[in-house]
Amino acid sequence: MSTRRDFLKTIGLCAASVALPKRTFAAGSNKPNIIFILTDDQRYDALSCRGHTFLKTPNMDRLAREGVLFENAFVTTSLCSPSRASFLTGCYAHTHGVFFNSQSDPDPSLPTFSQLLQKAGYETAYIGKWHMAATDEPRPGFDHWVSFKGQGSYRGNKFNIDGEDVRSQGYVTDDLTEYAINFINKDHKNPFLLFLSHKAVHAPFTPAERHNNLFSDIEIESRHNPADNLATKPKWGRKMDKNWRQQIRNYFQTLMAVDESLGRILKSLERNNMLDDTVLVFAGDNGYFHGEHGGMWDKRAAYEPSMRIPLLMRYPARVKAGIRCGQMVLNIDLAPTLLDLAGAAIPHKIQGQSWMKLLAGHAGRESFLYEYFGTSGDRFKRPTTIAIRKANWKYITYPLSNMHTHELYDLNNDPEELDNLSASSAHESVLRQLKVELARLQEKTNFRFPPGRTI
């Protein structure tokens, strides 16, 4: 088995710090390079450009300043494996078939955006956490592969690099960044796609040693609002550990290496004179609770902190600097957007839509379907959830359980979802309309439950 030092020496990874001569990639082609960076469990507001009180993320902020910040970005399933498959395929979980964590890859009849870009002439690389089927083997659609099994570890990973096992004792965010920069620094004869998928900030939150003392003087507060009418909400999911304050502090400490990683990626693109010729998208795979609604933790539920994500894009050739887009965009929109930017055909099976039309001034979607499929492996016992989210309203149902009430929220007047209006006679008309719209979305997307599941 190779050692990490031997492997890094072989591929010249240390060259990442050396300034390279100006060069042109993909000569004769107007297709941009594409870098998609995905974090794990990063809340939509876990970056300083969203007004966080103590968190500083200068490189994420730079993307927002030099590109577009999508203020209302969502996942269609707030769970790692289904969400990752939705990013790749542009489809809902009930279409691509990844209903649960760590069990399967997407339906092979649905091509991923990496396969489609590879077919369109792109050199493709996947670096980081895969977390669908529980294997680290290289996947179709990628010319270069760096990954590990399952969640991996913050230290001491065994990487599968193009089929070869390579051990590392380094910090995982730094390791993945080095591999990504090495790929960027290669001589590319064709435009490239780089998918950099971080382990961070998944629990157990483990910061790099250099960040261990950050925020030690900050008093961490729960996000629970005392005005929340918990009597009208389901009782499941309120389970924060005793040391939740330190866990939240560790969460933000762990995120710091991700922001540093983004800064190194930006500098590498600048050194190679290709920053402005590269589409750079940064997103989270789902949100995360920090104590909302009486002490909720983890994700899965259809409340805003769980289903909203950070989403940033920089590409000055098509996107003006400093845009804040308030339209609703989804993780299933990534695949058609990247194909659109690359000038590649968008398969008719894709259920998302390119957000480039929104940035050109066109109207966006009025509503979307949210789904989560309950599993006995969830320690919070959150049941199967089907919901509809509109600009100003949300309706949440639990179709496989008679133990939980449905929920209706007026997001315009109650953005924190404190008051469930489903039993309000004054809102019967709104409730009827949302039920009809939810049924329409289910029919339109050919909704189905996982076989044999009743949770």
Protein backbone atom coordinates (compact mmCIF):
# COMPACT_ATOMS: atom_id res chain seq x y z
CA MET A 1 0.00 0.00 0.00
CA SER A 2 1.32 3.45 -0.88
CA THR A 3 1.91 6.06 1.79
CA ARG A 4 0.42 9.50 1.46
CA ARG A 5 3.89 11.08 1.30
CA ASP A 6 4.95 8.81 -1.56
CA PHE A 7 1.80 9.53 -3.46
CA LEU A 8 1.98 13.29 -3.02
CA LYS A 9 5.59 13.24 -4.15
CA THR A 10 4.63 11.23 -7.23
CA ILE A 11 1.89 13.58 -8.36
CA GLY A 12 3.70 16.75 -7.38
CA LEU A 13 1.08 18.00 -4.99
CA CYS A 14 3.46 20.47 -3.41
CA ALA A 15 3.46 22.34 -6.71
CA ALA A 16 0.15 23.82 -5.62
CA SER A 17 2.05 26.63 -3.90
CA VAL A 18 4.16 27.51 -6.95
CA ALA A 19 3.02 30.32 -9.25
CA LEU A 20 2.37 28.94 -12.70
CA PRO A 21 2.82 30.73 -16.01
CA LYS A 22 -0.18 32.23 -17.71
CA ARG A 23 -1.88 29.66 -19.86
CA THR A 24 -5.10 29.13 -21.74
CA PHE A 25 -7.30 26.16 -20.99
CA ALA A 26 -9.65 24.56 -23.48
CA ALA A 27 -8.19 26.48 -26.41
CA GLY A 28 -10.68 26.96 -29.21
CA SER A 29 -13.61 26.28 -26.89
CA ASN A 30 -16.00 28.74 -25.31
CA LYS A 31 -17.04 26.23 -22.67
CA PRO A 32 -16.16 27.35 -19.15
CA ASN A 33 -14.37 25.27 -16.58
CA ILE A 34 -16.74 24.28 -13.76
CA ILE A 35 -16.02 23.85 -10.06
CA PHE A 36 -18.80 22.74 -7.73
CA ILE A 37 -17.98 22.82 -4.00
CA LEU A 38 -20.41 21.05 -1.66
CA THR A 39 -20.36 21.22 2.14
CA ASP A 40 -22.15 18.90 4.53
CA ASP A 41 -24.84 20.15 6.95
CA GLN A 42 -24.01 23.84 6.49
CA ARG A 43 -26.91 26.07 7.49
CA TYR A 44 -28.08 28.70 5.02
CA ASP A 45 -27.07 31.44 7.46
CA ALA A 46 -23.67 29.97 8.39
CA LEU A 47 -21.68 32.58 6.49
CA SER A 48 -21.00 36.14 7.46
CA CYS A 49 -22.54 37.76 4.39
CA ARG A 50 -25.92 36.56 5.71
CA GLY A 51 -25.44 38.70 8.80
CA HIS A 52 -24.12 36.15 11.25
CA THR A 53 -23.24 37.79 14.55
CA PHE A 54 -19.72 36.38 15.05
CA LEU A 55 -18.86 34.02 12.17
CA LYS A 56 -16.40 35.41 9.60
CA THR A 57 -16.23 33.71 6.19
CA PRO A 58 -14.31 36.13 3.94
CA ASN A 59 -13.99 33.76 0.98
CA MET A 60 -17.65 32.77 0.91
CA ASP A 61 -18.41 36.47 1.22
CA ARG A 62 -16.14 37.14 -1.74
CA LEU A 63 -18.20 34.79 -3.93
CA ALA A 64 -21.34 36.63 -2.89
CA ARG A 65 -19.70 40.00 -3.54
CA GLU A 66 -18.33 39.02 -6.97
CA GLY A 67 -21.26 36.89 -8.08
CA VAL A 68 -24.74 35.94 -6.91
CA LEU A 69 -26.08 34.97 -3.51
CA PHE A 70 -29.29 32.94 -3.77
CA GLU A 71 -31.24 34.05 -0.71
CA ASN A 72 -33.91 31.35 -1.00
CA ALA A 73 -32.11 28.14 -1.94
CA PHE A 74 -33.52 24.81 -0.77
CA VAL A 75 -33.06 21.07 -0.94
CA THR A 76 -35.98 18.85 -1.88
CA THR A 77 -34.93 16.27 0.75
CA SER A 78 -32.97 17.37 3.81
CA LEU A 79 -30.81 14.28 4.16
CA CYS A 80 -27.28 13.74 2.86
CA SER A 81 -27.53 10.83 0.43
CA PRO A 82 -30.84 11.79 -1.23
CA SER A 83 -29.77 15.42 -1.53
CA ARG A 84 -26.41 14.55 -3.09
CA ALA A 85 -28.13 12.33 -5.63
CA SER A 86 -30.52 15.20 -6.43
CA PHE A 87 -27.62 17.58 -7.07
CA LEU A 88 -26.08 15.03 -9.44
CA THR A 89 -29.19 13.99 -11.36
CA GLY A 90 -31.43 17.05 -11.22
CA CYS A 91 -34.25 14.84 -9.92
CA TYR A 92 -36.30 14.28 -6.77
CA ALA A 93 -35.42 11.41 -4.44
CA HIS A 94 -38.58 9.54 -5.44
CA THR A 95 -37.28 9.64 -9.03
CA HIS A 96 -33.58 8.84 -8.62
CA GLY A 97 -34.30 6.21 -5.96
CA VAL A 98 -31.87 7.27 -3.23
CA PHE A 99 -34.42 7.45 -0.43
CA PHE A 100 -32.11 6.86 2.55
CA ASN A 101 -28.53 7.34 3.68
CA SER A 102 -25.69 5.01 2.70
CA GLN A 103 -27.74 2.43 0.79
CA SER A 104 -27.57 3.09 -2.95
CA ASP A 105 -26.40 5.28 -5.79
CA PRO A 106 -28.89 6.97 -8.15
CA ASP A 107 -30.83 4.96 -10.71
CA PRO A 108 -28.26 4.32 -13.48
CA SER A 109 -30.86 5.14 -16.14
CA LEU A 110 -30.62 8.77 -14.98
CA PRO A 111 -27.32 10.25 -16.16
CA THR A 112 -25.51 12.54 -13.73
CA PHE A 113 -24.35 15.97 -14.82
CA SER A 114 -20.78 14.66 -14.64
CA GLN A 115 -21.56 11.91 -17.16
CA LEU A 116 -23.26 14.39 -19.47
CA LEU A 117 -20.39 16.90 -19.23
CA GLN A 118 -17.86 14.13 -19.75
CA LYS A 119 -19.76 13.15 -22.89
CA ALA A 120 -19.67 16.82 -23.96
CA GLY A 121 -15.85 16.83 -23.84
CA TYR A 122 -15.12 17.80 -20.23
CA GLU A 123 -12.32 16.32 -18.16
CA THR A 124 -14.03 15.41 -14.89
CA ALA A 125 -12.83 14.89 -11.32
CA TYR A 126 -14.56 13.96 -8.08
CA ILE A 127 -12.72 14.74 -4.85
CA GLY A 128 -14.26 14.13 -1.45
CA LYS A 129 -17.18 12.55 0.34
CA TRP A 130 -19.57 10.53 -1.85
CA HIS A 131 -21.85 9.07 0.85
CA MET A 132 -24.43 7.19 -1.18
CA ALA A 133 -23.72 3.50 -1.81
CA ALA A 134 -21.29 2.44 0.92
CA THR A 135 -18.19 1.98 -1.22
CA ASP A 136 -15.27 4.22 -2.16
CA GLU A 137 -14.92 2.76 -5.65
CA PRO A 138 -14.68 5.22 -8.58
CA ARG A 139 -18.05 6.11 -10.08
CA PRO A 140 -19.06 6.53 -13.73
CA GLY A 141 -18.70 10.03 -15.11
CA PHE A 142 -15.37 10.87 -13.49
CA ASP A 143 -11.94 10.64 -15.11
CA HIS A 144 -10.21 11.26 -11.77
CA TRP A 145 -11.44 9.97 -8.41
CA VAL A 146 -10.46 10.75 -4.81
CA SER A 147 -12.83 9.53 -2.10
CA PHE A 148 -13.28 7.44 1.03
CA LYS A 149 -15.93 5.10 2.40
CA GLY A 150 -19.03 6.54 4.01
CA GLN A 151 -18.48 9.50 6.27
CA GLY A 152 -14.72 9.10 6.40
CA SER A 153 -12.84 10.70 9.29
CA TYR A 154 -11.61 14.18 10.04
CA ARG A 155 -8.14 12.62 10.44
CA GLY A 156 -6.60 9.34 9.37
CA ASN A 157 -8.48 8.66 6.15
CA LYS A 158 -7.82 5.90 3.66
CA PHE A 159 -8.43 7.49 0.27
CA ASN A 160 -9.29 5.61 -2.88
CA ILE A 161 -7.40 7.50 -5.58
CA ASP A 162 -8.26 6.14 -9.00
CA GLY A 163 -8.45 2.65 -7.50
CA GLU A 164 -5.33 2.87 -5.33
CA ASP A 165 -5.47 2.98 -1.52
CA VAL A 166 -3.58 5.95 -0.06
CA ARG A 167 -3.47 6.61 3.68
CA SER A 168 -3.30 10.06 5.24
CA GLN A 169 -2.90 11.38 8.76
CA GLY A 170 -3.77 14.90 7.64
CA TYR A 171 -6.89 16.95 8.36
CA VAL A 172 -9.51 15.94 5.81
CA THR A 173 -10.51 19.44 4.63
CA ASP A 174 -6.87 20.30 3.98
CA ASP A 175 -6.20 16.99 2.24
CA LEU A 176 -9.17 17.36 -0.10
CA THR A 177 -8.14 20.94 -0.88
CA GLU A 178 -4.63 19.84 -1.84
CA TYR A 179 -5.97 17.17 -4.16
CA ALA A 180 -8.33 19.71 -5.73
CA ILE A 181 -5.58 22.27 -6.29
CA ASN A 182 -3.35 19.64 -7.82
CA PHE A 183 -6.10 18.83 -10.31
CA ILE A 184 -6.59 22.52 -11.15
CA ASN A 185 -2.84 22.92 -11.71
CA LYS A 186 -2.66 20.14 -14.31
CA ASP A 187 -2.30 20.91 -18.00
CA HIS A 188 -5.85 20.54 -19.30
CA LYS A 189 -6.46 20.03 -22.98
CA ASN A 190 -10.21 20.29 -22.48
CA PRO A 191 -12.46 22.27 -20.15
CA PHE A 192 -12.78 20.58 -16.78
CA LEU A 193 -15.38 19.81 -14.16
CA LEU A 194 -14.17 19.57 -10.57
CA PHE A 195 -16.64 18.37 -7.92
CA LEU A 196 -15.11 19.05 -4.48
CA SER A 197 -17.26 17.47 -1.76
CA HIS A 198 -16.26 18.25 1.82
CA LYS A 199 -16.85 16.08 4.86
CA ALA A 200 -17.20 19.24 6.93
CA VAL A 201 -19.26 20.29 8.74
CA HIS A 202 -20.78 16.90 9.55
CA ALA A 203 -20.93 15.71 13.17
CA PRO A 204 -18.98 14.93 15.24
CA PHE A 205 -17.76 18.47 14.59
CA THR A 206 -13.97 18.35 14.67
CA PRO A 207 -12.09 21.54 13.83
CA ALA A 208 -8.54 21.73 12.56
CA GLU A 209 -6.15 22.22 15.47
CA ARG A 210 -5.41 25.78 14.35
CA HIS A 211 -9.07 26.65 14.96
CA ASN A 212 -9.57 24.97 18.34
CA ASN A 213 -9.71 28.21 20.30
CA LEU A 214 -11.87 30.24 17.97
CA PHE A 215 -15.06 31.73 19.42
CA SER A 216 -14.07 30.69 22.95
CA ASP A 217 -15.23 34.08 24.21
CA ILE A 218 -18.60 33.83 22.45
CA GLU A 219 -21.71 32.96 24.46
CA ILE A 220 -23.55 30.41 22.30
CA GLU A 221 -27.33 30.76 22.40
CA SER A 222 -30.06 28.36 21.40
CA ARG A 223 -32.11 29.35 18.37
CA HIS A 224 -35.35 28.41 20.12
CA ASN A 225 -37.82 31.29 20.24
CA PRO A 226 -39.84 31.31 23.50
CA ALA A 227 -42.84 32.55 21.52
CA ASP A 228 -42.92 29.29 19.54
CA ASN A 229 -46.32 27.62 19.96
CA LEU A 230 -44.99 24.09 20.50
CA ALA A 231 -48.41 22.74 21.50
CA THR A 232 -49.47 22.94 17.84
CA LYS A 233 -46.40 21.10 16.52
CA PRO A 234 -45.37 17.43 16.50
CA LYS A 235 -43.41 16.45 19.60
CA TRP A 236 -40.67 14.46 17.87
CA GLY A 237 -37.20 15.76 17.16
CA ARG A 238 -36.56 17.91 20.26
CA LYS A 239 -33.39 16.27 21.46
CA MET A 240 -30.27 18.36 21.97
CA ASP A 241 -27.32 16.90 23.85
CA LYS A 242 -26.23 18.37 27.18
CA ASN A 243 -23.08 19.94 25.71
CA TRP A 244 -24.93 21.57 22.79
CA ARG A 245 -23.24 24.94 23.30
CA GLN A 246 -19.78 23.47 22.75
CA GLN A 247 -21.07 21.40 19.83
CA ILE A 248 -22.35 24.51 18.10
CA ARG A 249 -19.03 26.26 18.79
CA ASN A 250 -17.22 23.25 17.31
CA TYR A 251 -19.55 23.40 14.30
CA PHE A 252 -18.46 26.92 13.44
CA GLN A 253 -14.81 26.17 14.20
CA THR A 254 -14.96 23.22 11.79
CA LEU A 255 -16.41 25.44 9.08
CA MET A 256 -13.39 27.75 9.17
CA ALA A 257 -11.16 25.30 7.28
CA VAL A 258 -13.79 25.14 4.54
CA ASP A 259 -13.66 28.89 4.05
CA GLU A 260 -9.86 28.74 3.97
CA SER A 261 -10.13 25.95 1.40
CA LEU A 262 -12.30 28.12 -0.81
CA GLY A 263 -9.73 30.90 -0.56
CA ARG A 264 -6.99 28.52 -1.71
CA ILE A 265 -9.12 27.38 -4.65
CA LEU A 266 -9.67 31.00 -5.69
CA LYS A 267 -5.94 31.78 -5.47
CA SER A 268 -5.11 28.70 -7.53
CA LEU A 269 -7.51 29.80 -10.26
CA GLU A 270 -6.00 33.28 -10.19
CA ARG A 271 -2.45 31.94 -10.49
CA ASN A 272 -3.52 29.92 -13.51
CA ASN A 273 -5.22 32.94 -15.10
CA MET A 274 -8.55 31.12 -15.26
CA LEU A 275 -10.67 32.53 -12.46
CA ASP A 276 -12.98 34.51 -14.71
CA ASP A 277 -13.28 31.62 -17.15
CA THR A 278 -14.52 29.26 -14.46
CA VAL A 279 -18.05 28.75 -13.17
CA LEU A 280 -17.67 28.39 -9.40
CA VAL A 281 -20.70 27.19 -7.42
CA PHE A 282 -20.69 26.75 -3.64
CA ALA A 283 -23.55 25.03 -1.80
CA GLY A 284 -24.53 22.96 1.24
CA ASP A 285 -26.19 19.55 0.97
CA ASN A 286 -28.88 20.44 3.56
CA GLY A 287 -29.43 22.69 6.53
CA TYR A 288 -29.07 21.95 10.24
CA PHE A 289 -30.96 22.77 13.42
CA HIS A 290 -29.28 24.60 16.29
CA GLY A 291 -32.10 24.38 18.83
CA GLU A 292 -35.06 25.81 16.95
CA HIS A 293 -38.60 24.75 17.91
CA GLY A 294 -37.94 23.65 21.47
CA GLY A 295 -34.51 22.10 20.96
CA MET A 296 -34.40 20.51 17.51
CA TRP A 297 -31.11 19.05 16.25
CA ASP A 298 -29.93 17.44 13.01
CA LYS A 299 -32.11 18.07 9.90
CA ARG A 300 -34.78 16.03 7.98
CA ALA A 301 -37.79 18.13 9.03
CA ALA A 302 -39.54 20.54 6.66
CA TYR A 303 -38.76 23.65 8.70
CA GLU A 304 -36.60 26.39 7.21
CA PRO A 305 -33.31 25.77 9.10
CA SER A 306 -33.35 22.18 7.81
CA MET A 307 -34.31 22.64 4.17
CA ARG A 308 -32.60 25.94 3.32
CA ILE A 309 -28.98 25.94 2.16
CA PRO A 310 -26.22 28.40 1.28
CA LEU A 311 -25.85 28.78 -2.50
CA LEU A 312 -23.36 31.08 -4.23
CA MET A 313 -22.12 31.33 -7.80
CA ARG A 314 -19.37 33.33 -9.47
CA TYR A 315 -19.02 33.54 -13.24
CA PRO A 316 -18.54 37.14 -14.47
CA ALA A 317 -19.11 36.22 -18.12
CA ARG A 318 -22.78 35.52 -17.32
CA VAL A 319 -23.43 36.81 -13.81
CA LYS A 320 -23.08 40.41 -12.65
CA ALA A 321 -21.33 41.01 -9.35
CA GLY A 322 -23.26 41.56 -6.15
CA ILE A 323 -26.61 40.07 -7.16
CA ARG A 324 -28.97 38.86 -4.45
CA CYS A 325 -31.56 36.58 -6.01
CA GLY A 326 -34.72 36.12 -3.95
CA GLN A 327 -36.38 33.56 -6.21
CA MET A 328 -36.71 29.99 -4.92
CA VAL A 329 -34.01 27.71 -6.35
CA LEU A 330 -33.42 24.04 -5.56
CA ASN A 331 -30.64 21.47 -5.44
CA ILE A 332 -32.29 19.76 -8.44
CA ASP A 333 -31.60 22.96 -10.40
CA LEU A 334 -27.82 22.55 -10.27
CA ALA A 335 -27.54 19.86 -12.97
CA PRO A 336 -29.56 21.73 -15.62
CA THR A 337 -27.76 24.98 -14.77
CA LEU A 338 -24.31 23.49 -15.30
CA LEU A 339 -25.41 21.79 -18.51
CA ASP A 340 -26.92 25.09 -19.68
CA LEU A 341 -23.67 26.96 -19.00
CA ALA A 342 -21.66 24.29 -20.81
CA GLY A 343 -23.97 24.38 -23.84
CA ALA A 344 -24.91 20.72 -23.33
CA ALA A 345 -28.35 19.21 -23.89
CA ILE A 346 -30.59 18.92 -20.82
CA PRO A 347 -32.35 15.51 -20.69
CA HIS A 348 -36.13 15.62 -20.48
CA LYS A 349 -36.07 13.46 -17.34
CA ILE A 350 -34.41 16.24 -15.33
CA GLN A 351 -36.97 17.76 -12.96
CA GLY A 352 -35.04 20.89 -12.05
CA GLN A 353 -34.61 24.01 -14.15
CA SER A 354 -31.64 26.18 -14.97
CA TRP A 355 -31.45 29.24 -12.76
CA MET A 356 -29.79 31.22 -15.54
CA LYS A 357 -33.24 32.29 -16.74
CA LEU A 358 -33.92 33.78 -13.31
CA LEU A 359 -30.71 35.78 -13.52
CA ALA A 360 -31.84 37.06 -16.91
CA GLY A 361 -35.02 38.43 -15.35
CA HIS A 362 -37.51 35.65 -16.00
CA ALA A 363 -40.07 34.59 -13.41
CA GLY A 364 -39.22 31.56 -11.29
CA ARG A 365 -41.24 28.74 -9.74
CA GLU A 366 -44.20 29.52 -7.54
CA SER A 367 -43.90 26.42 -5.38
CA PHE A 368 -41.97 23.20 -4.89
CA LEU A 369 -42.40 19.77 -3.36
CA TYR A 370 -40.43 18.74 -0.28
CA GLU A 371 -40.12 15.08 0.75
CA TYR A 372 -38.43 13.10 3.50
CA PHE A 373 -38.82 9.35 3.95
CA GLY A 374 -38.76 8.12 7.53
CA THR A 375 -36.46 5.34 8.59
CA SER A 376 -36.01 3.31 11.76
CA GLY A 377 -32.37 4.41 11.80
CA ASP A 378 -33.31 8.00 12.70
CA ARG A 379 -32.78 8.50 16.44
CA PHE A 380 -35.11 11.50 16.31
CA LYS A 381 -37.99 9.35 14.92
CA ARG A 382 -39.00 11.90 12.30
CA PRO A 383 -41.76 10.44 10.14
CA THR A 384 -42.20 10.50 6.39
CA THR A 385 -42.91 14.11 5.47
CA ILE A 386 -44.46 15.62 2.35
CA ALA A 387 -44.72 19.39 2.13
CA ILE A 388 -45.25 22.27 -0.26
CA ARG A 389 -43.31 25.49 0.01
CA LYS A 390 -44.48 28.67 -1.70
CA ALA A 391 -43.02 32.14 -1.42
CA ASN A 392 -45.27 33.04 1.51
CA TRP A 393 -46.86 29.79 2.64
CA LYS A 394 -45.83 26.32 3.73
CA TYR A 395 -48.02 23.26 4.25
CA ILE A 396 -46.50 20.16 5.91
CA THR A 397 -48.10 16.69 6.05
CA TYR A 398 -47.17 13.32 7.57
CA PRO A 399 -49.01 10.94 5.25
CA LEU A 400 -47.96 7.60 6.73
CA SER A 401 -48.73 8.42 10.34
CA ASN A 402 -51.90 9.38 12.18
CA MET A 403 -49.92 10.51 15.22
CA HIS A 404 -48.91 13.90 13.89
CA THR A 405 -50.88 16.98 12.98
CA HIS A 406 -50.40 18.74 9.67
CA GLU A 407 -48.93 22.24 9.72
CA LEU A 408 -49.57 25.54 7.95
CA TYR A 409 -47.31 28.58 8.20
CA ASP A 410 -47.66 32.13 6.96
CA LEU A 411 -44.02 32.75 6.04
CA ASN A 412 -44.60 36.39 5.19
CA ASN A 413 -45.78 37.25 8.71
CA ASP A 414 -44.21 34.33 10.58
CA PRO A 415 -40.83 33.53 8.97
CA GLU A 416 -39.67 31.55 12.02
CA GLU A 417 -42.69 29.20 11.74
CA LEU A 418 -43.83 29.79 15.29
CA ASP A 419 -47.60 29.56 14.87
CA ASN A 420 -49.21 26.56 13.15
CA LEU A 421 -52.37 27.87 11.46
CA SER A 422 -53.73 24.54 10.20
CA ALA A 423 -56.62 24.58 12.69
CA SER A 424 -57.49 28.24 12.05
CA SER A 425 -60.91 28.72 10.45
CA ALA A 426 -59.66 31.99 8.98
CA HIS A 427 -57.17 30.05 6.86
CA GLU A 428 -59.37 27.24 5.55
CA SER A 429 -59.30 28.63 2.01
CA VAL A 430 -55.50 28.85 1.95
CA LEU A 431 -55.26 25.32 3.33
CA ARG A 432 -57.56 23.95 0.62
CA GLN A 433 -55.54 25.67 -2.10
CA LEU A 434 -52.25 24.31 -0.78
CA LYS A 435 -53.64 20.77 -0.59
CA VAL A 436 -54.67 21.00 -4.24
CA GLU A 437 -51.28 22.41 -5.23
CA LEU A 438 -49.43 19.73 -3.27
CA ALA A 439 -51.41 16.99 -5.02
CA ARG A 440 -50.64 18.62 -8.37
CA LEU A 441 -46.91 18.65 -7.66
CA GLN A 442 -46.98 15.00 -6.61
CA GLU A 443 -48.74 14.04 -9.82
CA LYS A 444 -46.45 16.20 -11.96
CA THR A 445 -43.31 14.62 -10.52
CA ASN A 446 -44.70 11.03 -10.49
CA PHE A 447 -44.37 10.86 -6.73
CA ARG A 448 -43.98 7.43 -5.10
CA PHE A 449 -43.18 6.10 -1.67
CA PRO A 450 -40.24 3.74 -1.14
CA PRO A 451 -41.41 0.14 -1.40
CA GLY A 452 -42.29 -1.43 1.91
CA ARG A 453 -41.86 1.69 4.05
CA THR A 454 -44.53 2.76 6.55
CA ILE A 455 -42.76 5.12 8.97
